[in-house]
Amino acid sequence: MQGKRVLELQCVFLVFVNVLCLSPAAGPTVKPSVSLLPPSSLQISGDSAALLCLLSSYSPQGALVSWTLDGSEVTEGVQTSAESERDGRYSRSSILTLSKARWETGELYVCRVTHNGAPQEASFHKSHSQC
């Protein structure tokens, strides 16, 4: 009899958890606006260069950010902020900081955003004349 009671409690718990997890988010799903800002010419003349990826006005939370440089994923030098919320919309930023040498040899910089399983990209293609 006690085994049946434990099973009933587990079922009630699972139903309760599923209801909480499957509850729709407040408001509609809104994909993020994604912008990629390249480093300034002043910054490039220094020892490093940073690219800034801005995500704004999305819902629900949970946007993921990754970077690629010339088609290869980059994790070193990446700093991604926590998501901030205002009026039910979320935003976050991610910075890719590169050494001057790595900046000078790179061509294509991509900020890849995944939100609700849908990928988005913002890219910056550097021409050799900018070096």
C-alpha atoms as a PDB file:
ATOM      1  CA  MET A   1       0.000   0.000   0.000  1.00  0.00           C
ATOM      2  CA  GLN A   2       2.870   2.386   0.788  1.00  0.00           C
ATOM      3  CA  GLY A   3       4.400   1.707  -2.658  1.00  0.00           C
ATOM      4  CA  LYS A   4       1.127   2.757  -4.276  1.00  0.00           C
ATOM      5  CA  ARG A   5       1.096   5.979  -2.226  1.00  0.00           C
ATOM      6  CA  VAL A   6       4.674   6.828  -3.299  1.00  0.00           C
ATOM      7  CA  LEU A   7       3.730   6.169  -6.937  1.00  0.00           C
ATOM      8  CA  GLU A   8       0.688   8.455  -6.611  1.00  0.00           C
ATOM      9  CA  LEU A   9       2.835  11.219  -5.101  1.00  0.00           C
ATOM     10  CA  GLN A  10       5.402  10.852  -7.898  1.00  0.00           C
ATOM     11  CA  CYS A  11       2.652  11.135 -10.517  1.00  0.00           C
ATOM     12  CA  VAL A  12       1.188  14.235  -8.873  1.00  0.00           C
ATOM     13  CA  PHE A  13       4.669  15.763  -8.687  1.00  0.00           C
ATOM     14  CA  LEU A  14       5.370  15.013 -12.364  1.00  0.00           C
ATOM     15  CA  VAL A  15       2.044  16.493 -13.452  1.00  0.00           C
ATOM     16  CA  PHE A  16       2.700  19.586 -11.332  1.00  0.00           C
ATOM     17  CA  VAL A  17       6.239  20.028 -12.730  1.00  0.00           C
ATOM     18  CA  ASN A  18       5.037  19.513 -16.305  1.00  0.00           C
ATOM     19  CA  VAL A  19       2.329  22.125 -15.872  1.00  0.00           C
ATOM     20  CA  LEU A  20       4.885  24.600 -14.549  1.00  0.00           C
ATOM     21  CA  CYS A  21       7.442  23.847 -17.268  1.00  0.00           C
ATOM     22  CA  LEU A  22       4.969  23.865 -20.116  1.00  0.00           C
ATOM     23  CA  SER A  23       3.171  27.033 -19.118  1.00  0.00           C
ATOM     24  CA  PRO A  24       3.468  29.560 -21.928  1.00  0.00           C
ATOM     25  CA  ALA A  25       5.700  32.565 -21.357  1.00  0.00           C
ATOM     26  CA  ALA A  26       4.026  35.871 -20.738  1.00  0.00           C
ATOM     27  CA  GLY A  27       3.518  37.413 -24.144  1.00  0.00           C
ATOM     28  CA  PRO A  28       4.411  36.320 -27.654  1.00  0.00           C
ATOM     29  CA  THR A  29       7.755  34.999 -28.858  1.00  0.00           C
ATOM     30  CA  VAL A  30       9.765  37.864 -30.309  1.00  0.00           C
ATOM     31  CA  LYS A  31      13.097  37.228 -32.016  1.00  0.00           C
ATOM     32  CA  PRO A  32      16.007  39.423 -30.987  1.00  0.00           C
ATOM     33  CA  SER A  33      17.251  42.369 -32.955  1.00  0.00           C
ATOM     34  CA  VAL A  34      20.952  41.578 -33.511  1.00  0.00           C
ATOM     35  CA  SER A  35      23.635  44.170 -34.294  1.00  0.00           C
ATOM     36  CA  LEU A  36      27.382  43.675 -34.697  1.00  0.00           C
ATOM     37  CA  LEU A  37      29.685  46.637 -34.149  1.00  0.00           C
ATOM     38  CA  PRO A  38      33.304  46.382 -35.339  1.00  0.00           C
ATOM     39  CA  PRO A  39      36.197  47.925 -33.419  1.00  0.00           C
ATOM     40  CA  SER A  40      36.927  51.616 -33.881  1.00  0.00           C
ATOM     41  CA  SER A  41      40.000  52.721 -35.826  1.00  0.00           C
ATOM     42  CA  LEU A  42      41.414  54.105 -32.575  1.00  0.00           C
ATOM     43  CA  GLN A  43      41.048  50.703 -30.919  1.00  0.00           C
ATOM     44  CA  ILE A  44      42.610  48.898 -33.888  1.00  0.00           C
ATOM     45  CA  SER A  45      45.710  51.079 -33.572  1.00  0.00           C
ATOM     46  CA  GLY A  46      46.219  49.695 -30.057  1.00  0.00           C
ATOM     47  CA  ASP A  47      47.143  46.196 -28.869  1.00  0.00           C
ATOM     48  CA  SER A  48      43.714  44.588 -29.261  1.00  0.00           C
ATOM     49  CA  ALA A  49      40.408  44.867 -31.065  1.00  0.00           C
ATOM     50  CA  ALA A  50      36.917  44.126 -29.771  1.00  0.00           C
ATOM     51  CA  LEU A  51      33.701  43.422 -31.655  1.00  0.00           C
ATOM     52  CA  LEU A  52      30.397  44.010 -29.889  1.00  0.00           C
ATOM     53  CA  CYS A  53      27.258  41.975 -30.558  1.00  0.00           C
ATOM     54  CA  LEU A  54      24.034  43.500 -29.214  1.00  0.00           C
ATOM     55  CA  LEU A  55      20.797  41.530 -28.776  1.00  0.00           C
ATOM     56  CA  SER A  56      17.705  43.501 -27.885  1.00  0.00           C
ATOM     57  CA  SER A  57      13.925  43.412 -27.488  1.00  0.00           C
ATOM     58  CA  TYR A  58      13.378  39.648 -27.453  1.00  0.00           C
ATOM     59  CA  SER A  59      11.073  37.368 -25.546  1.00  0.00           C
ATOM     60  CA  PRO A  60      11.185  34.944 -23.848  1.00  0.00           C
ATOM     61  CA  GLN A  61      14.649  34.909 -22.317  1.00  0.00           C
ATOM     62  CA  GLY A  62      17.191  32.265 -23.265  1.00  0.00           C
ATOM     63  CA  ALA A  63      19.094  33.680 -26.253  1.00  0.00           C
ATOM     64  CA  LEU A  64      22.499  32.052 -26.709  1.00  0.00           C
ATOM     65  CA  VAL A  65      25.470  33.746 -28.364  1.00  0.00           C
ATOM     66  CA  SER A  66      28.498  32.225 -30.071  1.00  0.00           C
ATOM     67  CA  TRP A  67      31.248  33.630 -32.288  1.00  0.00           C
ATOM     68  CA  THR A  68      33.078  32.414 -35.359  1.00  0.00           C
ATOM     69  CA  LEU A  69      36.175  33.816 -37.010  1.00  0.00           C
ATOM     70  CA  ASP A  70      36.716  32.762 -40.621  1.00  0.00           C
ATOM     71  CA  GLY A  71      34.340  29.832 -40.101  1.00  0.00           C
ATOM     72  CA  SER A  72      35.923  28.478 -36.878  1.00  0.00           C
ATOM     73  CA  GLU A  73      34.222  28.811 -33.505  1.00  0.00           C
ATOM     74  CA  VAL A  74      35.955  31.156 -31.066  1.00  0.00           C
ATOM     75  CA  THR A  75      35.572  30.873 -27.294  1.00  0.00           C
ATOM     76  CA  GLU A  76      38.724  32.592 -26.058  1.00  0.00           C
ATOM     77  CA  GLY A  77      38.258  36.318 -25.516  1.00  0.00           C
ATOM     78  CA  VAL A  78      34.449  36.091 -25.414  1.00  0.00           C
ATOM     79  CA  GLN A  79      32.485  37.802 -22.657  1.00  0.00           C
ATOM     80  CA  THR A  80      28.698  37.545 -22.746  1.00  0.00           C
ATOM     81  CA  SER A  81      26.549  39.478 -20.307  1.00  0.00           C
ATOM     82  CA  ALA A  82      23.656  38.118 -18.320  1.00  0.00           C
ATOM     83  CA  GLU A  83      20.247  38.784 -19.818  1.00  0.00           C
ATOM     84  CA  SER A  84      18.485  41.871 -18.538  1.00  0.00           C
ATOM     85  CA  GLU A  85      14.718  42.305 -18.599  1.00  0.00           C
ATOM     86  CA  ARG A  86      12.599  45.408 -19.051  1.00  0.00           C
ATOM     87  CA  ASP A  87       8.841  45.368 -19.621  1.00  0.00           C
ATOM     88  CA  GLY A  88       8.890  41.674 -20.544  1.00  0.00           C
ATOM     89  CA  ARG A  89      11.610  42.052 -23.208  1.00  0.00           C
ATOM     90  CA  TYR A  90      15.189  40.896 -22.807  1.00  0.00           C
ATOM     91  CA  SER A  91      18.584  42.079 -23.959  1.00  0.00           C
ATOM     92  CA  ARG A  92      22.201  41.015 -23.666  1.00  0.00           C
ATOM     93  CA  SER A  93      25.571  41.768 -25.208  1.00  0.00           C
ATOM     94  CA  SER A  94      28.640  39.781 -26.127  1.00  0.00           C
ATOM     95  CA  ILE A  95      32.161  41.066 -26.746  1.00  0.00           C
ATOM     96  CA  LEU A  96      34.845  39.256 -28.727  1.00  0.00           C
ATOM     97  CA  THR A  97      38.292  40.645 -27.886  1.00  0.00           C
ATOM     98  CA  LEU A  98      41.177  39.696 -30.173  1.00  0.00           C
ATOM     99  CA  SER A  99      44.873  40.434 -30.192  1.00  0.00           C
ATOM    100  CA  LYS A 100      45.968  42.937 -32.813  1.00  0.00           C
ATOM    101  CA  ALA A 101      47.697  40.129 -34.748  1.00  0.00           C
ATOM    102  CA  ARG A 102      44.577  37.960 -34.762  1.00  0.00           C
ATOM    103  CA  TRP A 103      42.436  40.904 -35.838  1.00  0.00           C
ATOM    104  CA  GLU A 104      44.814  41.684 -38.706  1.00  0.00           C
ATOM    105  CA  THR A 105      44.785  38.106 -40.045  1.00  0.00           C
ATOM    106  CA  GLY A 106      41.025  37.543 -39.739  1.00  0.00           C
ATOM    107  CA  GLU A 107      38.528  38.236 -42.511  1.00  0.00           C
ATOM    108  CA  LEU A 108      34.990  37.245 -41.472  1.00  0.00           C
ATOM    109  CA  TYR A 109      33.627  37.738 -37.949  1.00  0.00           C
ATOM    110  CA  VAL A 110      30.196  36.297 -37.130  1.00  0.00           C
ATOM    111  CA  CYS A 111      28.029  36.648 -34.034  1.00  0.00           C
ATOM    112  CA  ARG A 112      25.586  33.713 -34.055  1.00  0.00           C
ATOM    113  CA  VAL A 113      22.442  33.961 -31.923  1.00  0.00           C
ATOM    114  CA  THR A 114      20.086  31.088 -31.152  1.00  0.00           C
ATOM    115  CA  HIS A 115      16.709  31.964 -29.659  1.00  0.00           C
ATOM    116  CA  ASN A 116      13.884  29.432 -29.278  1.00  0.00           C
ATOM    117  CA  GLY A 117      15.821  27.082 -31.578  1.00  0.00           C
ATOM    118  CA  ALA A 118      15.976  29.627 -34.412  1.00  0.00           C
ATOM    119  CA  PRO A 119      19.467  30.770 -35.473  1.00  0.00           C
ATOM    120  CA  GLN A 120      20.310  34.314 -36.534  1.00  0.00           C
ATOM    121  CA  GLU A 121      23.626  35.836 -37.553  1.00  0.00           C
ATOM    122  CA  ALA A 122      25.221  39.241 -37.754  1.00  0.00           C
ATOM    123  CA  SER A 123      28.542  39.423 -39.575  1.00  0.00           C
ATOM    124  CA  PHE A 124      31.377  41.781 -40.337  1.00  0.00           C
ATOM    125  CA  HIS A 125      33.616  41.166 -43.337  1.00  0.00           C
ATOM    126  CA  LYS A 126      36.913  42.993 -43.078  1.00  0.00           C
ATOM    127  CA  SER A 127      38.585  44.066 -46.295  1.00  0.00           C
ATOM    128  CA  HIS A 128      42.379  44.111 -46.518  1.00  0.00           C
ATOM    129  CA  SER A 129      42.335  47.875 -47.006  1.00  0.00           C
ATOM    130  CA  GLN A 130      41.214  48.349 -43.358  1.00  0.00           C
ATOM    131  CA  CYS A 131      44.350  46.803 -41.878  1.00  0.00           C
END
